[in-house]
Amino acid sequence: MRWLATFGAVAVLAGCMQDLGPTGDMLARDAAKGVVNNAVQARFPGVDARPLTDCIIDNASSGEIIQIAQGAVVGANDATTDLIVEIAQRPDTVRCTVNNSLGVNL
């Protein structure tokens, strides 16, 4: 049932890029978090992916979140992985990850 709701939400969100509203934004972010978390765990097995996942989602644009969330329905591809890596390398994402992982404020 959750898969069906995620599929429907991502399909609707992909078709309309205007204001998603709080519910649409939450659904897209949740779907994208699952995709990002899987990608991070695949690249860094044994590492807690949550801090990096949260920072990647927080530093992605709405369009990027929707693009990543589509991977929850159709499967992540190389373009999705490349986008995740690109967002992870942004200075604000790196700073966020260090802060979340080490409890240090930079």
PDB file of N, CA and C in Angstrom:
ATOM      1  N   MET A   1       0.821  -1.186   0.000  1.00  0.00           N
ATOM      2  CA  MET A   1       0.000   0.000   0.000  1.00  0.00           C
ATOM      3  C   MET A   1       0.865   1.250   0.000  1.00  0.00           C
ATOM      4  N   ARG A   2       1.925   1.243   0.829  1.00  0.00           N
ATOM      5  CA  ARG A   2       2.819   2.402   0.870  1.00  0.00           C
ATOM      6  C   ARG A   2       3.464   2.617  -0.494  1.00  0.00           C
ATOM      7  N   TRP A   3       3.850   1.517  -1.162  1.00  0.00           N
ATOM      8  CA  TRP A   3       4.457   1.617  -2.481  1.00  0.00           C
ATOM      9  C   TRP A   3       3.490   2.278  -3.443  1.00  0.00           C
ATOM     10  N   LEU A   4       2.224   1.885  -3.390  1.00  0.00           N
ATOM     11  CA  LEU A   4       1.215   2.464  -4.273  1.00  0.00           C
ATOM     12  C   LEU A   4       1.047   3.955  -4.010  1.00  0.00           C
ATOM     13  N   ALA A   5       1.021   4.338  -2.754  1.00  0.00           N
ATOM     14  CA  ALA A   5       0.899   5.763  -2.413  1.00  0.00           C
ATOM     15  C   ALA A   5       2.120   6.538  -2.897  1.00  0.00           C
ATOM     16  N   THR A   6       3.306   5.955  -2.713  1.00  0.00           N
ATOM     17  CA  THR A   6       4.528   6.614  -3.180  1.00  0.00           C
ATOM     18  C   THR A   6       4.518   6.733  -4.690  1.00  0.00           C
ATOM     19  N   PHE A   7       4.119   5.655  -5.382  1.00  0.00           N
ATOM     20  CA  PHE A   7       4.054   5.684  -6.838  1.00  0.00           C
ATOM     21  C   PHE A   7       3.108   6.774  -7.316  1.00  0.00           C
ATOM     22  N   GLY A   8       1.926   6.831  -6.728  1.00  0.00           N
ATOM     23  CA  GLY A   8       0.946   7.846  -7.120  1.00  0.00           C
ATOM     24  C   GLY A   8       1.446   9.250  -6.852  1.00  0.00           C
ATOM     25  N   ALA A   9       2.062   9.446  -5.702  1.00  0.00           N
ATOM     26  CA  ALA A   9       2.564  10.782  -5.348  1.00  0.00           C
ATOM     27  C   ALA A   9       3.666  11.220  -6.293  1.00  0.00           C
ATOM     28  N   VAL A  10       4.601  10.329  -6.583  1.00  0.00           N
ATOM     29  CA  VAL A  10       5.700  10.692  -7.473  1.00  0.00           C
ATOM     30  C   VAL A  10       5.187  10.930  -8.884  1.00  0.00           C
ATOM     31  N   ALA A  11       4.243  10.124  -9.337  1.00  0.00           N
ATOM     32  CA  ALA A  11       3.681  10.324 -10.673  1.00  0.00           C
ATOM     33  C   ALA A  11       2.993  11.677 -10.781  1.00  0.00           C
ATOM     34  N   VAL A  12       2.233  12.028  -9.779  1.00  0.00           N
ATOM     35  CA  VAL A  12       1.554  13.330  -9.780  1.00  0.00           C
ATOM     36  C   VAL A  12       2.568  14.455  -9.707  1.00  0.00           C
ATOM     37  N   LEU A  13       3.556  14.315  -8.827  1.00  0.00           N
ATOM     38  CA  LEU A  13       4.555  15.363  -8.655  1.00  0.00           C
ATOM     39  C   LEU A  13       5.390  15.551  -9.907  1.00  0.00           C
ATOM     40  N   ALA A  14       5.708  14.476 -10.574  1.00  0.00           N
ATOM     41  CA  ALA A  14       6.515  14.577 -11.783  1.00  0.00           C
ATOM     42  C   ALA A  14       5.766  15.312 -12.879  1.00  0.00           C
ATOM     43  N   GLY A  15       4.452  15.217 -12.885  1.00  0.00           N
ATOM     44  CA  GLY A  15       3.656  15.866 -13.915  1.00  0.00           C
ATOM     45  C   GLY A  15       3.388  17.327 -13.652  1.00  0.00           C
ATOM     46  N   CYS A  16       3.556  17.773 -12.428  1.00  0.00           N
ATOM     47  CA  CYS A  16       3.284  19.175 -12.143  1.00  0.00           C
ATOM     48  C   CYS A  16       4.350  19.731 -11.232  1.00  0.00           C
ATOM     49  N   MET A  17       5.152  20.615 -11.756  1.00  0.00           N
ATOM     50  CA  MET A  17       6.295  21.148 -11.038  1.00  0.00           C
ATOM     51  C   MET A  17       5.971  22.440 -10.299  1.00  0.00           C
ATOM     52  N   GLN A  18       4.691  22.864 -10.309  1.00  0.00           N
ATOM     53  CA  GLN A  18       4.349  24.084  -9.583  1.00  0.00           C
ATOM     54  C   GLN A  18       4.424  23.831  -8.084  1.00  0.00           C
ATOM     55  N   ASP A  19       3.780  24.671  -7.323  1.00  0.00           N
ATOM     56  CA  ASP A  19       3.786  24.557  -5.869  1.00  0.00           C
ATOM     57  C   ASP A  19       3.235  23.197  -5.456  1.00  0.00           C
ATOM     58  N   LEU A  20       4.060  22.427  -4.772  1.00  0.00           N
ATOM     59  CA  LEU A  20       3.668  21.077  -4.370  1.00  0.00           C
ATOM     60  C   LEU A  20       2.829  21.078  -3.104  1.00  0.00           C
ATOM     61  N   GLY A  21       2.898  22.143  -2.354  1.00  0.00           N
ATOM     62  CA  GLY A  21       2.209  22.181  -1.076  1.00  0.00           C
ATOM     63  C   GLY A  21       2.962  21.350  -0.065  1.00  0.00           C
ATOM     64  N   PRO A  22       2.614  21.502   1.196  1.00  0.00           N
ATOM     65  CA  PRO A  22       3.355  20.796   2.240  1.00  0.00           C
ATOM     66  C   PRO A  22       3.250  19.277   2.154  1.00  0.00           C
ATOM     67  N   THR A  23       2.091  18.755   1.782  1.00  0.00           N
ATOM     68  CA  THR A  23       1.929  17.299   1.698  1.00  0.00           C
ATOM     69  C   THR A  23       2.730  16.734   0.536  1.00  0.00           C
ATOM     70  N   GLY A  24       2.644  17.382  -0.618  1.00  0.00           N
ATOM     71  CA  GLY A  24       3.401  16.923  -1.785  1.00  0.00           C
ATOM     72  C   GLY A  24       4.896  16.994  -1.550  1.00  0.00           C
ATOM     73  N   ASP A  25       5.339  18.060  -0.908  1.00  0.00           N
ATOM     74  CA  ASP A  25       6.759  18.212  -0.604  1.00  0.00           C
ATOM     75  C   ASP A  25       7.223  17.104   0.337  1.00  0.00           C
ATOM     76  N   MET A  26       6.421  16.807   1.350  1.00  0.00           N
ATOM     77  CA  MET A  26       6.772  15.764   2.309  1.00  0.00           C
ATOM     78  C   MET A  26       6.853  14.394   1.624  1.00  0.00           C
ATOM     79  N   LEU A  27       5.890  14.084   0.752  1.00  0.00           N
ATOM     80  CA  LEU A  27       5.899  12.799   0.049  1.00  0.00           C
ATOM     81  C   LEU A  27       7.112  12.681  -0.861  1.00  0.00           C
ATOM     82  N   ALA A  28       7.418  13.753  -1.589  1.00  0.00           N
ATOM     83  CA  ALA A  28       8.572  13.733  -2.489  1.00  0.00           C
ATOM     84  C   ALA A  28       9.869  13.579  -1.694  1.00  0.00           C
ATOM     85  N   ARG A  29       9.989  14.313  -0.598  1.00  0.00           N
ATOM     86  CA  ARG A  29      11.196  14.231   0.230  1.00  0.00           C
ATOM     87  C   ARG A  29      11.358  12.828   0.825  1.00  0.00           C
ATOM     88  N   ASP A  30      10.268  12.219   1.289  1.00  0.00           N
ATOM     89  CA  ASP A  30      10.341  10.866   1.849  1.00  0.00           C
ATOM     90  C   ASP A  30      10.777   9.855   0.792  1.00  0.00           C
ATOM     91  N   ALA A  31      10.199   9.961  -0.398  1.00  0.00           N
ATOM     92  CA  ALA A  31      10.576   9.045  -1.479  1.00  0.00           C
ATOM     93  C   ALA A  31      12.039   9.250  -1.862  1.00  0.00           C
ATOM     94  N   ALA A  32      12.454  10.507  -1.966  1.00  0.00           N
ATOM     95  CA  ALA A  32      13.840  10.812  -2.329  1.00  0.00           C
ATOM     96  C   ALA A  32      14.809  10.330  -1.250  1.00  0.00           C
ATOM     97  N   LYS A  33      14.428  10.454   0.015  1.00  0.00           N
ATOM     98  CA  LYS A  33      15.298   9.998   1.105  1.00  0.00           C
ATOM     99  C   LYS A  33      15.598   8.511   0.983  1.00  0.00           C
ATOM    100  N   GLY A  34      14.593   7.727   0.617  1.00  0.00           N
ATOM    101  CA  GLY A  34      14.816   6.297   0.445  1.00  0.00           C
ATOM    102  C   GLY A  34      15.819   6.005  -0.657  1.00  0.00           C
ATOM    103  N   VAL A  35      15.700   6.729  -1.765  1.00  0.00           N
ATOM    104  CA  VAL A  35      16.617   6.534  -2.897  1.00  0.00           C
ATOM    105  C   VAL A  35      18.031   6.957  -2.507  1.00  0.00           C
ATOM    106  N   VAL A  36      18.147   8.130  -1.877  1.00  0.00           N
ATOM    107  CA  VAL A  36      19.463   8.637  -1.469  1.00  0.00           C
ATOM    108  C   VAL A  36      20.091   7.702  -0.440  1.00  0.00           C
ATOM    109  N   ASN A  37      19.323   7.267   0.526  1.00  0.00           N
ATOM    110  CA  ASN A  37      19.848   6.380   1.565  1.00  0.00           C
ATOM    111  C   ASN A  37      20.399   5.097   0.958  1.00  0.00           C
ATOM    112  N   ASN A  38      19.677   4.516   0.006  1.00  0.00           N
ATOM    113  CA  ASN A  38      20.156   3.298  -0.657  1.00  0.00           C
ATOM    114  C   ASN A  38      21.442   3.559  -1.431  1.00  0.00           C
ATOM    115  N   ALA A  39      21.516   4.701  -2.115  1.00  0.00           N
ATOM    116  CA  ALA A  39      22.716   5.034  -2.887  1.00  0.00           C
ATOM    117  C   ALA A  39      23.918   5.236  -1.969  1.00  0.00           C
ATOM    118  N   VAL A  40      23.719   5.920  -0.857  1.00  0.00           N
ATOM    119  CA  VAL A  40      24.815   6.159   0.090  1.00  0.00           C
ATOM    120  C   VAL A  40      25.267   4.837   0.706  1.00  0.00           C
ATOM    121  N   GLN A  41      24.323   3.988   1.098  1.00  0.00           N
ATOM    122  CA  GLN A  41      24.686   2.700   1.691  1.00  0.00           C
ATOM    123  C   GLN A  41      25.421   1.810   0.692  1.00  0.00           C
ATOM    124  N   ALA A  42      25.058   1.902  -0.582  1.00  0.00           N
ATOM    125  CA  ALA A  42      25.736   1.105  -1.602  1.00  0.00           C
ATOM    126  C   ALA A  42      27.189   1.560  -1.779  1.00  0.00           C
ATOM    127  N   ARG A  43      27.417   2.862  -1.682  1.00  0.00           N
ATOM    128  CA  ARG A  43      28.774   3.397  -1.856  1.00  0.00           C
ATOM    129  C   ARG A  43      29.621   3.256  -0.601  1.00  0.00           C
ATOM    130  N   PHE A  44      28.987   3.318   0.557  1.00  0.00           N
ATOM    131  CA  PHE A  44      29.709   3.276   1.834  1.00  0.00           C
ATOM    132  C   PHE A  44      29.068   2.255   2.774  1.00  0.00           C
ATOM    133  N   PRO A  45      29.232   0.955   2.481  1.00  0.00           N
ATOM    134  CA  PRO A  45      28.611  -0.067   3.325  1.00  0.00           C
ATOM    135  C   PRO A  45      29.108   0.034   4.771  1.00  0.00           C
ATOM    136  N   GLY A  46      28.198  -0.164   5.698  1.00  0.00           N
ATOM    137  CA  GLY A  46      28.550  -0.142   7.105  1.00  0.00           C
ATOM    138  C   GLY A  46      28.552   1.239   7.737  1.00  0.00           C
ATOM    139  N   VAL A  47      28.386   2.276   6.931  1.00  0.00           N
ATOM    140  CA  VAL A  47      28.366   3.648   7.443  1.00  0.00           C
ATOM    141  C   VAL A  47      26.912   4.071   7.644  1.00  0.00           C
ATOM    142  N   ASP A  48      26.638   4.794   8.723  1.00  0.00           N
ATOM    143  CA  ASP A  48      25.296   5.325   8.952  1.00  0.00           C
ATOM    144  C   ASP A  48      25.018   6.378   7.883  1.00  0.00           C
ATOM    145  N   ALA A  49      24.116   6.082   6.978  1.00  0.00           N
ATOM    146  CA  ALA A  49      23.841   6.961   5.842  1.00  0.00           C
ATOM    147  C   ALA A  49      22.923   8.127   6.191  1.00  0.00           C
ATOM    148  N   ARG A  50      22.249   8.056   7.326  1.00  0.00           N
ATOM    149  CA  ARG A  50      21.236   9.072   7.650  1.00  0.00           C
ATOM    150  C   ARG A  50      21.749  10.508   7.676  1.00  0.00           C
ATOM    151  N   PRO A  51      22.893  10.797   8.313  1.00  0.00           N
ATOM    152  CA  PRO A  51      23.333  12.200   8.318  1.00  0.00           C
ATOM    153  C   PRO A  51      23.584  12.748   6.913  1.00  0.00           C
ATOM    154  N   LEU A  52      24.227  11.952   6.067  1.00  0.00           N
ATOM    155  CA  LEU A  52      24.494  12.402   4.704  1.00  0.00           C
ATOM    156  C   LEU A  52      23.200  12.489   3.903  1.00  0.00           C
ATOM    157  N   THR A  53      22.325  11.511   4.070  1.00  0.00           N
ATOM    158  CA  THR A  53      21.039  11.529   3.367  1.00  0.00           C
ATOM    159  C   THR A  53      20.253  12.788   3.705  1.00  0.00           C
ATOM    160  N   ASP A  54      20.147  13.105   4.977  1.00  0.00           N
ATOM    161  CA  ASP A  54      19.409  14.304   5.388  1.00  0.00           C
ATOM    162  C   ASP A  54      20.014  15.560   4.784  1.00  0.00           C
ATOM    163  N   CYS A  55      21.339  15.647   4.775  1.00  0.00           N
ATOM    164  CA  CYS A  55      21.998  16.833   4.231  1.00  0.00           C
ATOM    165  C   CYS A  55      21.821  16.938   2.718  1.00  0.00           C
ATOM    166  N   ILE A  56      21.861  15.817   2.024  1.00  0.00           N
ATOM    167  CA  ILE A  56      21.652  15.836   0.576  1.00  0.00           C
ATOM    168  C   ILE A  56      20.245  16.324   0.268  1.00  0.00           C
ATOM    169  N   ILE A  57      19.257  15.795   0.955  1.00  0.00           N
ATOM    170  CA  ILE A  57      17.872  16.217   0.729  1.00  0.00           C
ATOM    171  C   ILE A  57      17.698  17.691   1.081  1.00  0.00           C
ATOM    172  N   ASP A  58      18.275  18.128   2.187  1.00  0.00           N
ATOM    173  CA  ASP A  58      18.135  19.522   2.613  1.00  0.00           C
ATOM    174  C   ASP A  58      18.799  20.503   1.656  1.00  0.00           C
ATOM    175  N   ASN A  59      19.786  20.052   0.894  1.00  0.00           N
ATOM    176  CA  ASN A  59      20.504  20.936  -0.017  1.00  0.00           C
ATOM    177  C   ASN A  59      20.131  20.726  -1.480  1.00  0.00           C
ATOM    178  N   ALA A  60      19.115  19.925  -1.726  1.00  0.00           N
ATOM    179  CA  ALA A  60      18.615  19.712  -3.088  1.00  0.00           C
ATOM    180  C   ALA A  60      17.467  20.676  -3.364  1.00  0.00           C
ATOM    181  N   SER A  61      17.358  21.084  -4.617  1.00  0.00           N
ATOM    182  CA  SER A  61      16.229  21.930  -5.014  1.00  0.00           C
ATOM    183  C   SER A  61      14.973  21.071  -5.130  1.00  0.00           C
ATOM    184  N   SER A  62      13.831  21.721  -5.249  1.00  0.00           N
ATOM    185  CA  SER A  62      12.566  20.979  -5.411  1.00  0.00           C
ATOM    186  C   SER A  62      12.607  20.088  -6.643  1.00  0.00           C
ATOM    187  N   GLY A  63      13.128  20.613  -7.732  1.00  0.00           N
ATOM    188  CA  GLY A  63      13.232  19.827  -8.964  1.00  0.00           C
ATOM    189  C   GLY A  63      14.143  18.626  -8.801  1.00  0.00           C
ATOM    190  N   GLU A  64      15.249  18.820  -8.085  1.00  0.00           N
ATOM    191  CA  GLU A  64      16.174  17.711  -7.844  1.00  0.00           C
ATOM    192  C   GLU A  64      15.535  16.653  -6.955  1.00  0.00           C
ATOM    193  N   ILE A  65      14.781  17.086  -5.960  1.00  0.00           N
ATOM    194  CA  ILE A  65      14.099  16.131  -5.077  1.00  0.00           C
ATOM    195  C   ILE A  65      13.112  15.290  -5.876  1.00  0.00           C
ATOM    196  N   ILE A  66      12.356  15.924  -6.755  1.00  0.00           N
ATOM    197  CA  ILE A  66      11.397  15.179  -7.580  1.00  0.00           C
ATOM    198  C   ILE A  66      12.121  14.207  -8.496  1.00  0.00           C
ATOM    199  N   GLN A  67      13.219  14.664  -9.103  1.00  0.00           N
ATOM    200  CA  GLN A  67      13.984  13.783  -9.988  1.00  0.00           C
ATOM    201  C   GLN A  67      14.503  12.569  -9.216  1.00  0.00           C
ATOM    202  N   ILE A  68      15.016  12.784  -8.034  1.00  0.00           N
ATOM    203  CA  ILE A  68      15.511  11.673  -7.212  1.00  0.00           C
ATOM    204  C   ILE A  68      14.351  10.783  -6.770  1.00  0.00           C
ATOM    205  N   ALA A  69      13.233  11.384  -6.375  1.00  0.00           N
ATOM    206  CA  ALA A  69      12.070  10.618  -5.908  1.00  0.00           C
ATOM    207  C   ALA A  69      11.531   9.692  -6.992  1.00  0.00           C
ATOM    208  N   GLN A  70      11.659  10.083  -8.240  1.00  0.00           N
ATOM    209  CA  GLN A  70      11.206   9.215  -9.331  1.00  0.00           C
ATOM    210  C   GLN A  70      11.948   7.885  -9.310  1.00  0.00           C
ATOM    211  N   GLY A  71      13.168   7.885  -8.785  1.00  0.00           N
ATOM    212  CA  GLY A  71      13.926   6.646  -8.663  1.00  0.00           C
ATOM    213  C   GLY A  71      13.273   5.646  -7.731  1.00  0.00           C
ATOM    214  N   ALA A  72      12.417   6.114  -6.828  1.00  0.00           N
ATOM    215  CA  ALA A  72      11.699   5.204  -5.930  1.00  0.00           C
ATOM    216  C   ALA A  72      10.675   4.383  -6.689  1.00  0.00           C
ATOM    217  N   VAL A  73      10.213   4.917  -7.811  1.00  0.00           N
ATOM    218  CA  VAL A  73       9.182   4.238  -8.591  1.00  0.00           C
ATOM    219  C   VAL A  73       9.793   3.456  -9.745  1.00  0.00           C
ATOM    220  N   VAL A  74      10.637   4.105 -10.516  1.00  0.00           N
ATOM    221  CA  VAL A  74      11.178   3.480 -11.723  1.00  0.00           C
ATOM    222  C   VAL A  74      12.555   2.879 -11.508  1.00  0.00           C
ATOM    223  N   GLY A  75      13.118   3.090 -10.334  1.00  0.00           N
ATOM    224  CA  GLY A  75      14.458   2.595 -10.046  1.00  0.00           C
ATOM    225  C   GLY A  75      15.497   3.674 -10.315  1.00  0.00           C
ATOM    226  N   ALA A  76      16.475   3.719  -9.458  1.00  0.00           N
ATOM    227  CA  ALA A  76      17.546   4.700  -9.624  1.00  0.00           C
ATOM    228  C   ALA A  76      18.425   4.280 -10.793  1.00  0.00           C
ATOM    229  N   ASN A  77      18.849   5.262 -11.572  1.00  0.00           N
ATOM    230  CA  ASN A  77      19.742   4.996 -12.693  1.00  0.00           C
ATOM    231  C   ASN A  77      21.022   5.804 -12.502  1.00  0.00           C
ATOM    232  N   ASP A  78      21.904   5.760 -13.495  1.00  0.00           N
ATOM    233  CA  ASP A  78      23.172   6.480 -13.382  1.00  0.00           C
ATOM    234  C   ASP A  78      22.964   7.978 -13.220  1.00  0.00           C
ATOM    235  N   ALA A  79      21.968   8.535 -13.899  1.00  0.00           N
ATOM    236  CA  ALA A  79      21.700   9.971 -13.788  1.00  0.00           C
ATOM    237  C   ALA A  79      21.275  10.333 -12.367  1.00  0.00           C
ATOM    238  N   THR A  80      20.478   9.473 -11.753  1.00  0.00           N
ATOM    239  CA  THR A  80      20.050   9.706 -10.371  1.00  0.00           C
ATOM    240  C   THR A  80      21.250   9.663  -9.433  1.00  0.00           C
ATOM    241  N   THR A  81      22.087   8.657  -9.597  1.00  0.00           N
ATOM    242  CA  THR A  81      23.280   8.526  -8.760  1.00  0.00           C
ATOM    243  C   THR A  81      24.216   9.704  -8.959  1.00  0.00           C
ATOM    244  N   ASP A  82      24.412  10.116 -10.214  1.00  0.00           N
ATOM    245  CA  ASP A  82      25.270  11.270 -10.493  1.00  0.00           C
ATOM    246  C   ASP A  82      24.737  12.529  -9.823  1.00  0.00           C
ATOM    247  N   LEU A  83      23.418  12.713  -9.848  1.00  0.00           N
ATOM    248  CA  LEU A  83      22.809  13.879  -9.209  1.00  0.00           C
ATOM    249  C   LEU A  83      23.029  13.838  -7.696  1.00  0.00           C
ATOM    250  N   ILE A  84      22.853  12.682  -7.101  1.00  0.00           N
ATOM    251  CA  ILE A  84      23.066  12.536  -5.658  1.00  0.00           C
ATOM    252  C   ILE A  84      24.512  12.875  -5.296  1.00  0.00           C
ATOM    253  N   VAL A  85      25.463  12.360  -6.073  1.00  0.00           N
ATOM    254  CA  VAL A  85      26.884  12.635  -5.819  1.00  0.00           C
ATOM    255  C   VAL A  85      27.179  14.123  -5.984  1.00  0.00           C
ATOM    256  N   GLU A  86      26.590  14.746  -7.002  1.00  0.00           N
ATOM    257  CA  GLU A  86      26.812  16.177  -7.241  1.00  0.00           C
ATOM    258  C   GLU A  86      26.303  17.010  -6.069  1.00  0.00           C
ATOM    259  N   ILE A  87      25.123  16.687  -5.570  1.00  0.00           N
ATOM    260  CA  ILE A  87      24.567  17.415  -4.419  1.00  0.00           C
ATOM    261  C   ILE A  87      25.433  17.172  -3.184  1.00  0.00           C
ATOM    262  N   ALA A  88      25.914  15.941  -3.009  1.00  0.00           N
ATOM    263  CA  ALA A  88      26.744  15.599  -1.846  1.00  0.00           C
ATOM    264  C   ALA A  88      28.049  16.378  -1.825  1.00  0.00           C
ATOM    265  N   GLN A  89      28.539  16.793  -2.985  1.00  0.00           N
ATOM    266  CA  GLN A  89      29.812  17.502  -3.068  1.00  0.00           C
ATOM    267  C   GLN A  89      29.677  19.012  -2.902  1.00  0.00           C
ATOM    268  N   ARG A  90      28.478  19.523  -2.825  1.00  0.00           N
ATOM    269  CA  ARG A  90      28.286  20.960  -2.645  1.00  0.00           C
ATOM    270  C   ARG A  90      28.822  21.378  -1.274  1.00  0.00           C
ATOM    271  N   PRO A  91      29.427  22.558  -1.191  1.00  0.00           N
ATOM    272  CA  PRO A  91      29.993  23.007   0.093  1.00  0.00           C
ATOM    273  C   PRO A  91      28.992  22.990   1.249  1.00  0.00           C
ATOM    274  N   ASP A  92      27.762  23.431   1.008  1.00  0.00           N
ATOM    275  CA  ASP A  92      26.769  23.436   2.089  1.00  0.00           C
ATOM    276  C   ASP A  92      26.411  22.022   2.539  1.00  0.00           C
ATOM    277  N   THR A  93      26.405  21.080   1.598  1.00  0.00           N
ATOM    278  CA  THR A  93      26.109  19.690   1.953  1.00  0.00           C
ATOM    279  C   THR A  93      27.250  19.093   2.764  1.00  0.00           C
ATOM    280  N   VAL A  94      28.481  19.368   2.342  1.00  0.00           N
ATOM    281  CA  VAL A  94      29.647  18.870   3.082  1.00  0.00           C
ATOM    282  C   VAL A  94      29.650  19.445   4.496  1.00  0.00           C
ATOM    283  N   ARG A  95      29.401  20.739   4.624  1.00  0.00           N
ATOM    284  CA  ARG A  95      29.363  21.393   5.931  1.00  0.00           C
ATOM    285  C   ARG A  95      28.278  20.764   6.811  1.00  0.00           C
ATOM    286  N   CYS A  96      27.113  20.566   6.244  1.00  0.00           N
ATOM    287  CA  CYS A  96      25.997  19.956   6.965  1.00  0.00           C
ATOM    288  C   CYS A  96      26.363  18.549   7.440  1.00  0.00           C
ATOM    289  N   THR A  97      26.997  17.777   6.579  1.00  0.00           N
ATOM    290  CA  THR A  97      27.369  16.406   6.920  1.00  0.00           C
ATOM    291  C   THR A  97      28.366  16.377   8.070  1.00  0.00           C
ATOM    292  N   VAL A  98      29.350  17.256   8.019  1.00  0.00           N
ATOM    293  CA  VAL A  98      30.333  17.325   9.104  1.00  0.00           C
ATOM    294  C   VAL A  98      29.637  17.702  10.408  1.00  0.00           C
ATOM    295  N   ASN A  99      28.761  18.698  10.339  1.00  0.00           N
ATOM    296  CA  ASN A  99      28.033  19.125  11.539  1.00  0.00           C
ATOM    297  C   ASN A  99      27.181  17.995  12.110  1.00  0.00           C
ATOM    298  N   ASN A 100      26.461  17.280  11.243  1.00  0.00           N
ATOM    299  CA  ASN A 100      25.585  16.196  11.696  1.00  0.00           C
ATOM    300  C   ASN A 100      26.367  14.988  12.201  1.00  0.00           C
ATOM    301  N   SER A 101      27.483  14.691  11.563  1.00  0.00           N
ATOM    302  CA  SER A 101      28.247  13.493  11.913  1.00  0.00           C
ATOM    303  C   SER A 101      29.099  13.684  13.155  1.00  0.00           C
ATOM    304  N   LEU A 102      29.693  14.858  13.277  1.00  0.00           N
ATOM    305  CA  LEU A 102      30.636  15.091  14.365  1.00  0.00           C
ATOM    306  C   LEU A 102      30.076  15.945  15.485  1.00  0.00           C
ATOM    307  N   GLY A 103      28.906  16.521  15.257  1.00  0.00           N
ATOM    308  CA  GLY A 103      28.334  17.405  16.258  1.00  0.00           C
ATOM    309  C   GLY A 103      29.100  18.711  16.382  1.00  0.00           C
ATOM    310  N   VAL A 104      29.774  19.097  15.295  1.00  0.00           N
ATOM    311  CA  VAL A 104      30.579  20.318  15.275  1.00  0.00           C
ATOM    312  C   VAL A 104      29.877  21.329  14.390  1.00  0.00           C
ATOM    313  N   ASN A 105      29.854  22.571  14.791  1.00  0.00           N
ATOM    314  CA  ASN A 105      29.275  23.629  13.969  1.00  0.00           C
ATOM    315  C   ASN A 105      30.373  24.376  13.247  1.00  0.00           C
ATOM    316  N   LEU A 106      30.391  24.276  11.934  1.00  0.00           N
ATOM    317  CA  LEU A 106      31.384  25.001  11.133  1.00  0.00           C
ATOM    318  C   LEU A 106      30.770  26.240  10.542  1.00  0.00           C
TER     319      LEU A 106
END
